Amino acid sequence: MVLRSVLAGVIVVALKGMLMQITAVWKFWKLSKMDAVVWVATFLTVVFISIDIGLLIGIIMSLITILILGFKPYTCLLGSVPKTDLYLDIDRYKGVNGILIIILF
């Protein structure tokens, strides 16, 4: 009984760094919800099933995320910044003049 408690304590201390990364989920969620879902699914699979399957799930979900994001790229209308050679997104930056339309083939 005492041996199991000591072993459990050793495992918890060894995994402390990994368990402290749970607070990083909020940062991932704010940056990209899809990346946060991949992170949580991989984490839970590693913890509750096994490391090999968890890593496989993480790789597969990451590839699916890349495919999904590849079908819908970020697009925007660009406007020129006065007295410069810069072109910025009209929706994000105020004070840009005109619209530059770029057609990519």
Protein backbone atom coordinates (compact mmCIF):
# COMPACT_ATOMS: atom_id res chain seq x y z
CA MET A 1 0.00 0.00 0.00
CA VAL A 2 2.79 2.42 0.93
CA LEU A 3 4.75 1.42 -2.16
CA ARG A 4 1.81 2.32 -4.42
CA SER A 5 1.44 5.72 -2.76
CA VAL A 6 5.14 6.44 -3.23
CA LEU A 7 4.99 5.31 -6.85
CA ALA A 8 1.93 7.50 -7.48
CA GLY A 9 3.74 10.47 -5.93
CA VAL A 10 6.80 9.90 -8.13
CA ILE A 11 4.61 9.73 -11.24
CA VAL A 12 2.72 12.92 -10.34
CA VAL A 13 5.98 14.81 -9.73
CA ALA A 14 7.42 13.50 -13.01
CA LEU A 15 4.31 14.59 -14.91
CA LYS A 16 4.02 17.97 -13.18
CA GLY A 17 5.46 19.83 -16.18
CA MET A 18 3.01 18.18 -18.53
CA LEU A 19 0.07 18.81 -16.25
CA MET A 20 1.05 22.48 -15.85
CA GLN A 21 0.68 22.90 -19.62
CA ILE A 22 -3.08 22.56 -19.23
CA THR A 23 -3.16 26.31 -18.58
CA ALA A 24 -1.81 26.84 -22.11
CA VAL A 25 -5.13 25.65 -23.56
CA TRP A 26 -6.62 29.14 -23.16
CA LYS A 27 -3.75 30.65 -25.15
CA PHE A 28 -4.25 28.09 -27.92
CA TRP A 29 -8.02 28.68 -27.85
CA LYS A 30 -7.56 32.44 -28.34
CA LEU A 31 -5.07 31.96 -31.19
CA SER A 32 -6.74 29.08 -33.04
CA LYS A 33 -9.70 27.02 -31.94
CA MET A 34 -8.73 24.17 -34.27
CA ASP A 35 -5.23 23.96 -32.77
CA ALA A 36 -6.74 23.94 -29.28
CA VAL A 37 -9.02 21.04 -30.21
CA VAL A 38 -6.06 19.10 -31.62
CA TRP A 39 -4.07 19.81 -28.43
CA VAL A 40 -6.89 18.70 -26.10
CA ALA A 41 -7.66 15.55 -28.12
CA THR A 42 -3.99 14.57 -28.20
CA PHE A 43 -3.52 15.29 -24.50
CA LEU A 44 -6.58 13.30 -23.43
CA THR A 45 -5.72 10.38 -25.69
CA VAL A 46 -2.15 10.23 -24.35
CA VAL A 47 -3.32 10.42 -20.73
CA PHE A 48 -6.24 7.98 -20.90
CA ILE A 49 -5.31 5.54 -23.71
CA SER A 50 -1.60 5.41 -24.63
CA ILE A 51 1.26 7.53 -25.90
CA ASP A 52 1.46 5.83 -29.30
CA ILE A 53 -2.22 6.20 -30.09
CA GLY A 54 -2.25 9.75 -28.71
CA LEU A 55 0.58 10.81 -30.98
CA LEU A 56 -1.10 9.13 -33.95
CA ILE A 57 -4.37 10.95 -33.18
CA GLY A 58 -2.48 14.25 -32.91
CA ILE A 59 -0.74 13.74 -36.26
CA ILE A 60 -3.94 12.74 -38.03
CA MET A 61 -5.91 15.66 -36.58
CA SER A 62 -3.11 18.08 -37.51
CA LEU A 63 -3.13 16.86 -41.10
CA ILE A 64 -6.91 17.22 -41.25
CA THR A 65 -6.59 20.76 -39.87
CA ILE A 66 -4.04 21.64 -42.56
CA LEU A 67 -6.36 20.29 -45.25
CA ILE A 68 -9.38 22.20 -43.90
CA LEU A 69 -7.46 25.47 -43.61
CA GLY A 70 -6.02 24.95 -47.09
CA PHE A 71 -9.48 24.96 -48.63
CA LYS A 72 -10.37 28.33 -47.06
CA PRO A 73 -7.40 30.70 -47.11
CA TYR A 74 -7.45 34.14 -45.53
CA THR A 75 -8.44 36.79 -48.07
CA CYS A 76 -8.79 40.54 -47.75
CA LEU A 77 -9.07 43.76 -49.70
CA LEU A 78 -5.91 45.84 -49.61
CA GLY A 79 -5.66 49.60 -49.57
CA SER A 80 -2.58 51.78 -49.95
CA VAL A 81 -1.16 53.68 -46.99
CA PRO A 82 -0.70 57.35 -47.96
CA LYS A 83 2.88 58.40 -48.84
CA THR A 84 4.25 54.85 -48.57
CA ASP A 85 4.53 51.71 -50.65
CA LEU A 86 2.57 49.67 -48.09
CA TYR A 87 -0.73 47.92 -48.72
CA LEU A 88 -2.78 46.85 -45.70
CA ASP A 89 -6.10 45.17 -45.00
CA ILE A 90 -8.94 47.71 -45.20
CA ASP A 91 -10.96 46.03 -42.43
CA ARG A 92 -8.10 45.90 -39.92
CA TYR A 93 -6.38 49.23 -40.56
CA LYS A 94 -8.16 52.56 -40.83
CA GLY A 95 -6.72 55.37 -42.88
CA VAL A 96 -5.83 53.42 -46.00
CA ASN A 97 -6.80 54.84 -49.38
CA GLY A 98 -8.37 53.05 -52.29
CA ILE A 99 -8.62 49.37 -52.97
CA LEU A 100 -6.00 47.17 -54.54
CA ILE A 101 -7.41 44.01 -56.06
CA ILE A 102 -4.94 41.21 -56.68
CA ILE A 103 -5.95 38.23 -58.76
CA LEU A 104 -3.80 35.19 -58.17
CA PHE A 105 -3.70 32.32 -60.64
